[in-house]
Amino acid sequence: MEKNMPTQSTLTESNNSWLNANVEKIGDYANKSELINDFNENQYDSYLININLSKKTAEKMGTT
């Protein structure tokens, strides 16, 4: 049996307003979902970069 996924998380009014304002202001996103997805992708990219830097630093220090 397939479960239906919710189409949107519940946001506080201030978060919803901020997202809507930024969608309009930035103009690169068609909706809040695109903005949130882009933010999440950028955060994940930053996470991977930090892991790589940590590994390289540890290797240079001889702690791996």
PDB file of N, CA and C in Angstrom:
ATOM      1  N   MET A   1       0.845  -1.180   0.000  1.00  0.00           N
ATOM      2  CA  MET A   1       0.000   0.000   0.000  1.00  0.00           C
ATOM      3  C   MET A   1       0.890   1.242   0.000  1.00  0.00           C
ATOM      4  N   GLU A   2       0.639   2.156  -0.891  1.00  0.00           N
ATOM      5  CA  GLU A   2       1.433   3.372  -1.016  1.00  0.00           C
ATOM      6  C   GLU A   2       0.851   4.475  -0.146  1.00  0.00           C
ATOM      7  N   LYS A   3       1.720   5.115   0.619  1.00  0.00           N
ATOM      8  CA  LYS A   3       1.281   6.221   1.462  1.00  0.00           C
ATOM      9  C   LYS A   3       1.361   7.513   0.676  1.00  0.00           C
ATOM     10  N   ASN A   4       0.412   8.381   0.906  1.00  0.00           N
ATOM     11  CA  ASN A   4       0.449   9.696   0.276  1.00  0.00           C
ATOM     12  C   ASN A   4       1.396  10.589   1.049  1.00  0.00           C
ATOM     13  N   MET A   5       2.278  11.257   0.322  1.00  0.00           N
ATOM     14  CA  MET A   5       3.216  12.183   0.945  1.00  0.00           C
ATOM     15  C   MET A   5       2.557  13.552   1.029  1.00  0.00           C
ATOM     16  N   PRO A   6       2.762  14.251   2.137  1.00  0.00           N
ATOM     17  CA  PRO A   6       2.217  15.610   2.223  1.00  0.00           C
ATOM     18  C   PRO A   6       2.910  16.502   1.206  1.00  0.00           C
ATOM     19  N   THR A   7       2.180  17.459   0.682  1.00  0.00           N
ATOM     20  CA  THR A   7       2.750  18.323  -0.342  1.00  0.00           C
ATOM     21  C   THR A   7       3.524  19.485   0.253  1.00  0.00           C
ATOM     22  N   GLN A   8       3.272  19.832   1.501  1.00  0.00           N
ATOM     23  CA  GLN A   8       3.981  20.950   2.113  1.00  0.00           C
ATOM     24  C   GLN A   8       4.050  20.758   3.611  1.00  0.00           C
ATOM     25  N   SER A   9       5.192  21.112   4.153  1.00  0.00           N
ATOM     26  CA  SER A   9       5.334  21.114   5.602  1.00  0.00           C
ATOM     27  C   SER A   9       4.623  22.337   6.160  1.00  0.00           C
ATOM     28  N   THR A  10       4.270  22.252   7.418  1.00  0.00           N
ATOM     29  CA  THR A  10       3.663  23.398   8.070  1.00  0.00           C
ATOM     30  C   THR A  10       4.751  24.398   8.428  1.00  0.00           C
ATOM     31  N   LEU A  11       4.557  25.639   8.043  1.00  0.00           N
ATOM     32  CA  LEU A  11       5.514  26.701   8.324  1.00  0.00           C
ATOM     33  C   LEU A  11       4.882  27.724   9.246  1.00  0.00           C
ATOM     34  N   THR A  12       5.718  28.350  10.053  1.00  0.00           N
ATOM     35  CA  THR A  12       5.205  29.461  10.841  1.00  0.00           C
ATOM     36  C   THR A  12       4.869  30.594   9.881  1.00  0.00           C
ATOM     37  N   GLU A  13       4.030  31.495  10.302  1.00  0.00           N
ATOM     38  CA  GLU A  13       3.641  32.619   9.447  1.00  0.00           C
ATOM     39  C   GLU A  13       4.855  33.452   9.052  1.00  0.00           C
ATOM     40  N   SER A  14       5.767  33.671  10.005  1.00  0.00           N
ATOM     41  CA  SER A  14       6.951  34.478   9.682  1.00  0.00           C
ATOM     42  C   SER A  14       7.863  33.768   8.684  1.00  0.00           C
ATOM     43  N   ASN A  15       8.031  32.442   8.815  1.00  0.00           N
ATOM     44  CA  ASN A  15       8.839  31.699   7.846  1.00  0.00           C
ATOM     45  C   ASN A  15       8.180  31.690   6.475  1.00  0.00           C
ATOM     46  N   ASN A  16       6.877  31.496   6.456  1.00  0.00           N
ATOM     47  CA  ASN A  16       6.139  31.495   5.199  1.00  0.00           C
ATOM     48  C   ASN A  16       6.260  32.854   4.506  1.00  0.00           C
ATOM     49  N   SER A  17       6.117  33.925   5.268  1.00  0.00           N
ATOM     50  CA  SER A  17       6.235  35.274   4.709  1.00  0.00           C
ATOM     51  C   SER A  17       7.634  35.519   4.170  1.00  0.00           C
ATOM     52  N   TRP A  18       8.647  35.092   4.925  1.00  0.00           N
ATOM     53  CA  TRP A  18      10.033  35.275   4.495  1.00  0.00           C
ATOM     54  C   TRP A  18      10.295  34.531   3.191  1.00  0.00           C
ATOM     55  N   LEU A  19       9.833  33.272   3.120  1.00  0.00           N
ATOM     56  CA  LEU A  19      10.031  32.486   1.902  1.00  0.00           C
ATOM     57  C   LEU A  19       9.330  33.128   0.710  1.00  0.00           C
ATOM     58  N   ASN A  20       8.075  33.527   0.895  1.00  0.00           N
ATOM     59  CA  ASN A  20       7.340  34.163  -0.201  1.00  0.00           C
ATOM     60  C   ASN A  20       8.029  35.439  -0.663  1.00  0.00           C
ATOM     61  N   ALA A  21       8.494  36.250   0.281  1.00  0.00           N
ATOM     62  CA  ALA A  21       9.169  37.502  -0.067  1.00  0.00           C
ATOM     63  C   ALA A  21      10.450  37.230  -0.839  1.00  0.00           C
ATOM     64  N   ASN A  22      11.193  36.209  -0.434  1.00  0.00           N
ATOM     65  CA  ASN A  22      12.442  35.899  -1.119  1.00  0.00           C
ATOM     66  C   ASN A  22      12.216  35.271  -2.482  1.00  0.00           C
ATOM     67  N   VAL A  23      11.159  34.504  -2.639  1.00  0.00           N
ATOM     68  CA  VAL A  23      10.825  33.969  -3.965  1.00  0.00           C
ATOM     69  C   VAL A  23      10.563  35.132  -4.917  1.00  0.00           C
ATOM     70  N   GLU A  24       9.811  36.120  -4.449  1.00  0.00           N
ATOM     71  CA  GLU A  24       9.504  37.286  -5.281  1.00  0.00           C
ATOM     72  C   GLU A  24      10.737  38.157  -5.501  1.00  0.00           C
ATOM     73  N   LYS A  25      11.509  38.397  -4.439  1.00  0.00           N
ATOM     74  CA  LYS A  25      12.652  39.305  -4.508  1.00  0.00           C
ATOM     75  C   LYS A  25      13.772  38.734  -5.376  1.00  0.00           C
ATOM     76  N   ILE A  26      14.109  37.474  -5.179  1.00  0.00           N
ATOM     77  CA  ILE A  26      15.218  36.861  -5.906  1.00  0.00           C
ATOM     78  C   ILE A  26      14.831  36.623  -7.360  1.00  0.00           C
ATOM     79  N   GLY A  27      13.623  36.142  -7.583  1.00  0.00           N
ATOM     80  CA  GLY A  27      13.129  35.944  -8.937  1.00  0.00           C
ATOM     81  C   GLY A  27      13.667  34.724  -9.659  1.00  0.00           C
ATOM     82  N   ASP A  28      14.577  33.971  -9.028  1.00  0.00           N
ATOM     83  CA  ASP A  28      15.133  32.780  -9.669  1.00  0.00           C
ATOM     84  C   ASP A  28      14.322  31.522  -9.379  1.00  0.00           C
ATOM     85  N   TYR A  29      13.343  31.631  -8.518  1.00  0.00           N
ATOM     86  CA  TYR A  29      12.567  30.476  -8.090  1.00  0.00           C
ATOM     87  C   TYR A  29      11.097  30.686  -8.428  1.00  0.00           C
ATOM     88  N   ALA A  30      10.466  29.606  -8.879  1.00  0.00           N
ATOM     89  CA  ALA A  30       9.049  29.679  -9.217  1.00  0.00           C
ATOM     90  C   ALA A  30       8.175  29.598  -7.972  1.00  0.00           C
ATOM     91  N   ASN A  31       8.700  28.967  -6.919  1.00  0.00           N
ATOM     92  CA  ASN A  31       7.907  28.786  -5.704  1.00  0.00           C
ATOM     93  C   ASN A  31       8.814  28.504  -4.509  1.00  0.00           C
ATOM     94  N   LYS A  32       8.202  28.379  -3.341  1.00  0.00           N
ATOM     95  CA  LYS A  32       8.949  28.141  -2.101  1.00  0.00           C
ATOM     96  C   LYS A  32       9.701  26.819  -2.144  1.00  0.00           C
ATOM     97  N   SER A  33       9.107  25.810  -2.747  1.00  0.00           N
ATOM     98  CA  SER A  33       9.756  24.495  -2.796  1.00  0.00           C
ATOM     99  C   SER A  33      11.087  24.558  -3.525  1.00  0.00           C
ATOM    100  N   GLU A  34      11.134  25.282  -4.632  1.00  0.00           N
ATOM    101  CA  GLU A  34      12.395  25.415  -5.366  1.00  0.00           C
ATOM    102  C   GLU A  34      13.451  26.114  -4.519  1.00  0.00           C
ATOM    103  N   LEU A  35      13.051  27.153  -3.801  1.00  0.00           N
ATOM    104  CA  LEU A  35      13.979  27.882  -2.940  1.00  0.00           C
ATOM    105  C   LEU A  35      14.504  26.977  -1.828  1.00  0.00           C
ATOM    106  N   ILE A  36      13.621  26.238  -1.190  1.00  0.00           N
ATOM    107  CA  ILE A  36      14.022  25.334  -0.110  1.00  0.00           C
ATOM    108  C   ILE A  36      14.926  24.227  -0.646  1.00  0.00           C
ATOM    109  N   ASN A  37      14.581  23.653  -1.792  1.00  0.00           N
ATOM    110  CA  ASN A  37      15.407  22.595  -2.377  1.00  0.00           C
ATOM    111  C   ASN A  37      16.800  23.105  -2.719  1.00  0.00           C
ATOM    112  N   ASP A  38      16.889  24.308  -3.273  1.00  0.00           N
ATOM    113  CA  ASP A  38      18.183  24.889  -3.607  1.00  0.00           C
ATOM    114  C   ASP A  38      19.008  25.118  -2.342  1.00  0.00           C
ATOM    115  N   PHE A  39      18.365  25.633  -1.319  1.00  0.00           N
ATOM    116  CA  PHE A  39      19.044  25.838  -0.038  1.00  0.00           C
ATOM    117  C   PHE A  39      19.579  24.512   0.503  1.00  0.00           C
ATOM    118  N   ASN A  40      18.750  23.473   0.471  1.00  0.00           N
ATOM    119  CA  ASN A  40      19.168  22.166   0.977  1.00  0.00           C
ATOM    120  C   ASN A  40      20.344  21.607   0.183  1.00  0.00           C
ATOM    121  N   GLU A  41      20.304  21.756  -1.141  1.00  0.00           N
ATOM    122  CA  GLU A  41      21.408  21.277  -1.974  1.00  0.00           C
ATOM    123  C   GLU A  41      22.694  22.023  -1.640  1.00  0.00           C
ATOM    124  N   ASN A  42      22.599  23.332  -1.455  1.00  0.00           N
ATOM    125  CA  ASN A  42      23.784  24.118  -1.108  1.00  0.00           C
ATOM    126  C   ASN A  42      24.328  23.720   0.257  1.00  0.00           C
ATOM    127  N   GLN A  43      23.446  23.455   1.200  1.00  0.00           N
ATOM    128  CA  GLN A  43      23.886  23.027   2.529  1.00  0.00           C
ATOM    129  C   GLN A  43      24.591  21.677   2.452  1.00  0.00           C
ATOM    130  N   TYR A  44      24.066  20.768   1.640  1.00  0.00           N
ATOM    131  CA  TYR A  44      24.688  19.451   1.494  1.00  0.00           C
ATOM    132  C   TYR A  44      26.059  19.584   0.834  1.00  0.00           C
ATOM    133  N   ASP A  45      26.160  20.432  -0.184  1.00  0.00           N
ATOM    134  CA  ASP A  45      27.456  20.674  -0.826  1.00  0.00           C
ATOM    135  C   ASP A  45      28.462  21.208   0.187  1.00  0.00           C
ATOM    136  N   SER A  46      28.040  22.141   1.024  1.00  0.00           N
ATOM    137  CA  SER A  46      28.920  22.695   2.061  1.00  0.00           C
ATOM    138  C   SER A  46      29.344  21.611   3.047  1.00  0.00           C
ATOM    139  N   TYR A  47      28.429  20.747   3.391  1.00  0.00           N
ATOM    140  CA  TYR A  47      28.717  19.639   4.302  1.00  0.00           C
ATOM    141  C   TYR A  47      29.810  18.740   3.717  1.00  0.00           C
ATOM    142  N   LEU A  48      29.685  18.394   2.433  1.00  0.00           N
ATOM    143  CA  LEU A  48      30.680  17.537   1.792  1.00  0.00           C
ATOM    144  C   LEU A  48      32.044  18.219   1.718  1.00  0.00           C
ATOM    145  N   ILE A  49      32.051  19.503   1.427  1.00  0.00           N
ATOM    146  CA  ILE A  49      33.310  20.255   1.389  1.00  0.00           C
ATOM    147  C   ILE A  49      33.974  20.238   2.758  1.00  0.00           C
ATOM    148  N   ASN A  50      33.193  20.452   3.805  1.00  0.00           N
ATOM    149  CA  ASN A  50      33.749  20.443   5.164  1.00  0.00           C
ATOM    150  C   ASN A  50      34.322  19.082   5.536  1.00  0.00           C
ATOM    151  N   ILE A  51      33.656  18.018   5.132  1.00  0.00           N
ATOM    152  CA  ILE A  51      34.172  16.673   5.410  1.00  0.00           C
ATOM    153  C   ILE A  51      35.505  16.472   4.693  1.00  0.00           C
ATOM    154  N   ASN A  52      35.573  16.868   3.418  1.00  0.00           N
ATOM    155  CA  ASN A  52      36.820  16.732   2.664  1.00  0.00           C
ATOM    156  C   ASN A  52      37.945  17.525   3.305  1.00  0.00           C
ATOM    157  N   LEU A  53      37.658  18.760   3.697  1.00  0.00           N
ATOM    158  CA  LEU A  53      38.683  19.591   4.334  1.00  0.00           C
ATOM    159  C   LEU A  53      39.145  18.987   5.653  1.00  0.00           C
ATOM    160  N   SER A  54      38.214  18.448   6.419  1.00  0.00           N
ATOM    161  CA  SER A  54      38.567  17.819   7.693  1.00  0.00           C
ATOM    162  C   SER A  54      39.473  16.610   7.471  1.00  0.00           C
ATOM    163  N   LYS A  55      39.158  15.806   6.457  1.00  0.00           N
ATOM    164  CA  LYS A  55      39.987  14.633   6.153  1.00  0.00           C
ATOM    165  C   LYS A  55      41.385  15.056   5.725  1.00  0.00           C
ATOM    166  N   LYS A  56      41.469  16.074   4.870  1.00  0.00           N
ATOM    167  CA  LYS A  56      42.776  16.537   4.397  1.00  0.00           C
ATOM    168  C   LYS A  56      43.596  17.110   5.544  1.00  0.00           C
ATOM    169  N   THR A  57      42.957  17.845   6.423  1.00  0.00           N
ATOM    170  CA  THR A  57      43.653  18.400   7.584  1.00  0.00           C
ATOM    171  C   THR A  57      44.153  17.281   8.489  1.00  0.00           C
ATOM    172  N   ALA A  58      43.318  16.287   8.713  1.00  0.00           N
ATOM    173  CA  ALA A  58      43.703  15.157   9.561  1.00  0.00           C
ATOM    174  C   ALA A  58      44.872  14.393   8.941  1.00  0.00           C
ATOM    175  N   GLU A  59      44.859  14.220   7.618  1.00  0.00           N
ATOM    176  CA  GLU A  59      45.955  13.525   6.945  1.00  0.00           C
ATOM    177  C   GLU A  59      47.261  14.300   7.097  1.00  0.00           C
ATOM    178  N   LYS A  60      47.194  15.616   6.954  1.00  0.00           N
ATOM    179  CA  LYS A  60      48.399  16.440   7.092  1.00  0.00           C
ATOM    180  C   LYS A  60      48.956  16.387   8.511  1.00  0.00           C
ATOM    181  N   MET A  61      48.060  16.244   9.476  1.00  0.00           N
ATOM    182  CA  MET A  61      48.487  16.192  10.880  1.00  0.00           C
ATOM    183  C   MET A  61      48.883  14.773  11.288  1.00  0.00           C
ATOM    184  N   GLY A  62      48.634  13.821  10.393  1.00  0.00           N
ATOM    185  CA  GLY A  62      48.979  12.434  10.687  1.00  0.00           C
ATOM    186  C   GLY A  62      48.053  11.760  11.669  1.00  0.00           C
ATOM    187  N   THR A  63      46.801  12.188  11.683  1.00  0.00           N
ATOM    188  CA  THR A  63      45.850  11.608  12.644  1.00  0.00           C
ATOM    189  C   THR A  63      44.855  10.663  11.997  1.00  0.00           C
ATOM    190  N   THR A  64      45.127  10.238  10.767  1.00  0.00           N
ATOM    191  CA  THR A  64      44.198   9.289  10.137  1.00  0.00           C
ATOM    192  C   THR A  64      44.750   7.899  10.152  1.00  0.00           C
TER     193      THR A  64
END
